[in-house]
Amino acid sequence: MEQKCSECPLRAKYDRKPGSLAGRFWRWHINFCPGWKAYFTTLTPEEQLMLREKYHFKKHYA
């Protein structure tokens, strides 16, 4: 199943306004979301690093 994480409306809200309730919910949610993990692990190491820095994401290391 293809993940739509790059098109996620909640992710877009986080990108626009990280401190909003929806943005904070999305950021919390990616810590355990199986869809995000599947999406994240399909990315190149460079793309993963970019997202790690952008979203302060520390999980799902290979």
N, C-alpha and C. Protein backbone atom coordinates (compact mmCIF):
# COMPACT_ATOMS: atom_id res chain seq x y z
N MET A 1 0.84 -1.18 0.00
CA MET A 1 0.00 0.00 0.00
C MET A 1 0.89 1.25 0.00
N GLU A 2 0.61 2.14 -0.90
CA GLU A 2 1.39 3.36 -1.02
C GLU A 2 1.00 4.35 0.09
N GLN A 3 2.01 4.94 0.70
CA GLN A 3 1.77 5.92 1.75
C GLN A 3 1.61 7.31 1.14
N LYS A 4 0.71 8.07 1.69
CA LYS A 4 0.44 9.43 1.21
C LYS A 4 0.99 10.48 2.17
N CYS A 5 2.03 10.13 2.90
CA CYS A 5 2.56 11.03 3.92
C CYS A 5 3.06 12.34 3.35
N SER A 6 3.57 12.32 2.14
CA SER A 6 4.07 13.56 1.56
C SER A 6 2.93 14.51 1.21
N GLU A 7 1.70 13.99 1.14
CA GLU A 7 0.53 14.80 0.80
C GLU A 7 -0.42 14.99 1.99
N CYS A 8 0.01 14.57 3.16
CA CYS A 8 -0.85 14.58 4.35
C CYS A 8 -1.28 16.01 4.71
N PRO A 9 -2.59 16.24 4.88
CA PRO A 9 -3.06 17.57 5.26
C PRO A 9 -2.55 18.01 6.63
N LEU A 10 -2.41 17.07 7.56
CA LEU A 10 -1.89 17.43 8.88
C LEU A 10 -0.42 17.82 8.80
N ARG A 11 0.32 17.13 7.97
CA ARG A 11 1.73 17.48 7.78
C ARG A 11 1.84 18.89 7.19
N ALA A 12 0.97 19.22 6.26
CA ALA A 12 0.97 20.56 5.67
C ALA A 12 0.66 21.61 6.73
N LYS A 13 -0.25 21.29 7.65
CA LYS A 13 -0.56 22.22 8.73
C LYS A 13 0.65 22.41 9.64
N TYR A 14 1.38 21.33 9.91
CA TYR A 14 2.60 21.45 10.71
C TYR A 14 3.61 22.34 9.99
N ASP A 15 3.76 22.13 8.69
CA ASP A 15 4.72 22.92 7.92
C ASP A 15 4.35 24.41 7.94
N ARG A 16 3.07 24.72 7.89
CA ARG A 16 2.62 26.11 7.91
C ARG A 16 2.71 26.73 9.30
N LYS A 17 2.29 25.95 10.30
CA LYS A 17 2.22 26.49 11.66
C LYS A 17 2.48 25.36 12.67
N PRO A 18 3.76 25.08 12.96
CA PRO A 18 4.11 23.95 13.83
C PRO A 18 3.48 23.99 15.22
N GLY A 19 3.20 25.17 15.71
CA GLY A 19 2.64 25.28 17.06
C GLY A 19 1.14 25.10 17.14
N SER A 20 0.48 24.95 16.00
CA SER A 20 -0.98 24.76 16.02
C SER A 20 -1.32 23.40 16.62
N LEU A 21 -2.55 23.26 17.05
CA LEU A 21 -2.98 21.98 17.63
C LEU A 21 -2.83 20.85 16.62
N ALA A 22 -3.26 21.07 15.38
CA ALA A 22 -3.15 20.04 14.34
C ALA A 22 -1.68 19.74 14.05
N GLY A 23 -0.85 20.76 14.01
CA GLY A 23 0.57 20.57 13.75
C GLY A 23 1.24 19.77 14.85
N ARG A 24 0.94 20.13 16.08
CA ARG A 24 1.54 19.40 17.21
C ARG A 24 1.04 17.96 17.26
N PHE A 25 -0.26 17.78 16.93
CA PHE A 25 -0.79 16.42 16.88
C PHE A 25 -0.05 15.60 15.84
N TRP A 26 0.15 16.12 14.64
CA TRP A 26 0.85 15.38 13.58
C TRP A 26 2.26 15.03 14.04
N ARG A 27 2.98 15.97 14.63
CA ARG A 27 4.35 15.71 15.06
C ARG A 27 4.39 14.61 16.11
N TRP A 28 3.47 14.62 17.05
CA TRP A 28 3.39 13.57 18.06
C TRP A 28 3.05 12.23 17.41
N HIS A 29 2.12 12.26 16.47
CA HIS A 29 1.61 11.06 15.81
C HIS A 29 2.70 10.30 15.04
N ILE A 30 3.65 11.00 14.41
CA ILE A 30 4.65 10.31 13.59
C ILE A 30 5.60 9.46 14.42
N ASN A 31 5.60 9.64 15.74
CA ASN A 31 6.49 8.84 16.59
C ASN A 31 6.09 7.36 16.60
N PHE A 32 4.84 7.05 16.30
CA PHE A 32 4.41 5.66 16.36
C PHE A 32 3.55 5.23 15.17
N CYS A 33 3.35 6.09 14.20
CA CYS A 33 2.49 5.77 13.05
C CYS A 33 3.16 4.75 12.13
N PRO A 34 2.53 3.59 11.89
CA PRO A 34 3.14 2.60 11.00
C PRO A 34 3.22 3.09 9.56
N GLY A 35 2.28 3.93 9.15
CA GLY A 35 2.34 4.49 7.80
C GLY A 35 3.54 5.40 7.61
N TRP A 36 3.80 6.25 8.62
CA TRP A 36 4.97 7.15 8.55
C TRP A 36 6.25 6.33 8.52
N LYS A 37 6.32 5.28 9.34
CA LYS A 37 7.52 4.44 9.36
C LYS A 37 7.74 3.81 7.99
N ALA A 38 6.69 3.29 7.39
CA ALA A 38 6.81 2.67 6.06
C ALA A 38 7.25 3.70 5.03
N TYR A 39 6.66 4.88 5.08
CA TYR A 39 7.04 5.96 4.16
C TYR A 39 8.48 6.38 4.39
N PHE A 40 8.83 6.60 5.64
CA PHE A 40 10.15 7.11 6.00
C PHE A 40 11.26 6.14 5.58
N THR A 41 11.02 4.85 5.76
CA THR A 41 12.06 3.87 5.43
C THR A 41 12.24 3.67 3.93
N THR A 42 11.31 4.17 3.12
CA THR A 42 11.48 4.07 1.66
C THR A 42 12.31 5.22 1.10
N LEU A 43 12.56 6.23 1.92
CA LEU A 43 13.31 7.40 1.46
C LEU A 43 14.81 7.12 1.41
N THR A 44 15.52 7.88 0.62
CA THR A 44 16.98 7.76 0.57
C THR A 44 17.54 8.28 1.90
N PRO A 45 18.76 7.89 2.24
CA PRO A 45 19.37 8.41 3.48
C PRO A 45 19.43 9.94 3.52
N GLU A 46 19.65 10.55 2.38
CA GLU A 46 19.70 12.02 2.33
C GLU A 46 18.33 12.63 2.63
N GLU A 47 17.28 12.03 2.07
CA GLU A 47 15.92 12.52 2.33
C GLU A 47 15.54 12.30 3.79
N GLN A 48 15.94 11.15 4.34
CA GLN A 48 15.66 10.87 5.74
C GLN A 48 16.34 11.90 6.63
N LEU A 49 17.59 12.21 6.34
CA LEU A 49 18.32 13.20 7.13
C LEU A 49 17.64 14.56 7.08
N MET A 50 17.19 14.94 5.89
CA MET A 50 16.50 16.22 5.74
C MET A 50 15.24 16.26 6.61
N LEU A 51 14.45 15.18 6.59
CA LEU A 51 13.23 15.13 7.39
C LEU A 51 13.55 15.07 8.88
N ARG A 52 14.59 14.34 9.24
CA ARG A 52 15.00 14.27 10.66
C ARG A 52 15.30 15.67 11.19
N GLU A 53 16.03 16.45 10.41
CA GLU A 53 16.38 17.80 10.84
C GLU A 53 15.15 18.71 10.84
N LYS A 54 14.34 18.62 9.82
CA LYS A 54 13.17 19.50 9.70
C LYS A 54 12.15 19.26 10.81
N TYR A 55 11.92 17.98 11.14
CA TYR A 55 10.89 17.62 12.10
C TYR A 55 11.43 17.17 13.45
N HIS A 56 12.73 17.31 13.67
CA HIS A 56 13.36 16.90 14.93
C HIS A 56 12.97 15.46 15.26
N PHE A 57 13.12 14.60 14.27
CA PHE A 57 12.66 13.21 14.33
C PHE A 57 13.83 12.29 14.64
N LYS A 58 13.71 11.50 15.70
CA LYS A 58 14.82 10.67 16.14
C LYS A 58 14.56 9.17 16.08
N LYS A 59 13.42 8.76 15.56
CA LYS A 59 13.09 7.33 15.53
C LYS A 59 13.33 6.72 14.15
N HIS A 60 13.20 5.42 14.09
CA HIS A 60 13.27 4.63 12.85
C HIS A 60 14.64 4.71 12.17
N TYR A 61 15.67 4.51 12.95
CA TYR A 61 17.00 4.40 12.35
C TYR A 61 17.16 3.01 11.78
N ALA A 62 17.82 2.91 10.65
CA ALA A 62 18.02 1.61 10.00
C ALA A 62 19.07 0.80 10.71
